[in-house]
């Protein structure tokens, strides 16, 4: 499980972002588990200013650059941080 810190002062509506990007409704505060083609099983939970995400790849090897771009765009809107900022934070810990 990976922990993403949400940028200070940034307060996104994660539930609406999940619906917009993946077409799934639920409560991220309690934890939301769903399947998305190309990524696999995804579990997302928000606790305060932290977002916990766990992915488990599916058996299929379907991958497309658009799926990666969509995932990175979702993470940017959810955390307020670019891929470069998230990588720097990951390497720091």
Protein backbone atom coordinates (compact mmCIF):
# COMPACT_ATOMS: atom_id res chain seq x y z
CA UNK A 1 0.00 0.00 0.00
CA UNK A 2 1.34 3.39 -0.98
CA UNK A 3 0.75 6.58 0.98
CA UNK A 4 0.29 9.85 -0.89
CA UNK A 5 0.25 13.11 1.02
CA UNK A 6 -2.22 15.67 -0.25
CA UNK A 7 -0.68 19.08 -0.88
CA UNK A 8 -1.13 21.54 1.99
CA UNK A 9 -4.20 23.74 1.49
CA UNK A 10 -5.52 21.50 -1.29
CA UNK A 11 -8.86 19.83 -0.60
CA UNK A 12 -10.05 17.73 -3.55
CA UNK A 13 -13.31 15.78 -3.66
CA UNK A 14 -11.80 12.31 -4.14
CA UNK A 15 -15.22 10.64 -4.49
CA UNK A 16 -16.11 12.75 -7.51
CA UNK A 17 -12.63 12.23 -9.02
CA UNK A 18 -13.00 8.45 -8.73
CA UNK A 19 -16.40 8.69 -10.42
CA UNK A 20 -15.03 10.98 -13.16
CA UNK A 21 -11.96 8.87 -13.99
CA UNK A 22 -13.13 5.31 -13.26
CA UNK A 23 -16.94 5.47 -13.29
CA UNK A 24 -17.21 4.07 -9.75
CA UNK A 25 -19.22 5.49 -6.87
CA UNK A 26 -18.50 4.93 -3.21
CA UNK A 27 -17.11 6.45 -0.05
CA UNK A 28 -13.35 6.92 -0.11
CA UNK A 29 -13.34 7.87 3.59
CA UNK A 30 -14.41 4.30 4.47
CA UNK A 31 -12.34 2.71 1.71
CA UNK A 32 -13.31 1.91 -1.84
CA UNK A 33 -12.32 -1.18 -3.79
CA UNK A 34 -12.93 -1.58 -7.51
CA UNK A 35 -11.48 -3.04 -10.71
CA UNK A 36 -10.21 -1.00 -13.65
CA UNK A 37 -9.08 -2.62 -16.89
CA UNK A 38 -5.36 -2.15 -17.51
CA UNK A 39 -4.55 -1.47 -13.84
CA UNK A 40 -6.32 -4.25 -11.98
CA UNK A 41 -7.87 -4.15 -8.53
CA UNK A 42 -7.63 -0.75 -6.84
CA UNK A 43 -8.24 0.08 -3.18
CA UNK A 44 -8.39 3.76 -2.19
CA UNK A 45 -8.85 5.19 1.30
CA UNK A 46 -8.51 8.76 2.52
CA UNK A 47 -7.50 9.60 6.07
CA UNK A 48 -7.19 13.33 6.66
CA UNK A 49 -4.56 14.73 4.31
CA UNK A 50 -3.28 11.29 3.29
CA UNK A 51 -4.46 9.05 0.51
CA UNK A 52 -3.72 5.33 0.73
CA UNK A 53 -3.80 3.44 -2.55
CA UNK A 54 -3.13 -0.22 -3.18
CA UNK A 55 -3.17 -1.76 -6.65
CA UNK A 56 -3.08 -5.42 -7.55
CA UNK A 57 -2.45 -6.15 -11.22
CA UNK A 58 -4.94 -8.26 -13.12
CA UNK A 59 -3.97 -11.39 -15.01
CA UNK A 60 -4.37 -9.65 -18.34
CA UNK A 61 -1.38 -7.90 -19.84
CA UNK A 62 -3.44 -5.15 -21.50
CA UNK A 63 -1.50 -1.95 -21.14
CA UNK A 64 -1.74 1.29 -22.97
CA UNK A 65 -0.01 4.62 -22.55
CA UNK A 66 -3.42 6.29 -22.20
CA UNK A 67 -4.12 4.23 -19.06
CA UNK A 68 -0.87 5.45 -17.46
CA UNK A 69 -1.62 9.04 -18.43
CA UNK A 70 -5.14 8.74 -16.99
CA UNK A 71 -3.76 7.28 -13.73
CA UNK A 72 -1.15 10.05 -13.38
CA UNK A 73 -3.75 12.71 -14.14
CA UNK A 74 -6.03 11.22 -11.46
CA UNK A 75 -3.19 11.23 -8.91
CA UNK A 76 -2.34 14.84 -9.79
CA UNK A 77 -5.93 16.00 -9.25
CA UNK A 78 -6.26 13.87 -6.09
CA UNK A 79 -3.03 15.01 -4.41
CA UNK A 80 -2.25 18.33 -6.08
CA UNK A 81 1.27 17.06 -6.82
CA UNK A 82 2.91 16.24 -10.13
CA UNK A 83 4.55 12.88 -10.84
CA UNK A 84 7.94 14.49 -10.27
CA UNK A 85 6.87 15.83 -6.84
CA UNK A 86 5.37 12.44 -5.87
CA UNK A 87 8.59 10.65 -6.90
CA UNK A 88 10.73 13.08 -4.89
CA UNK A 89 8.51 12.55 -1.84
CA UNK A 90 8.67 8.76 -2.27
CA UNK A 91 12.46 8.76 -2.47
CA UNK A 92 12.67 10.97 0.63
CA UNK A 93 10.90 8.40 2.82
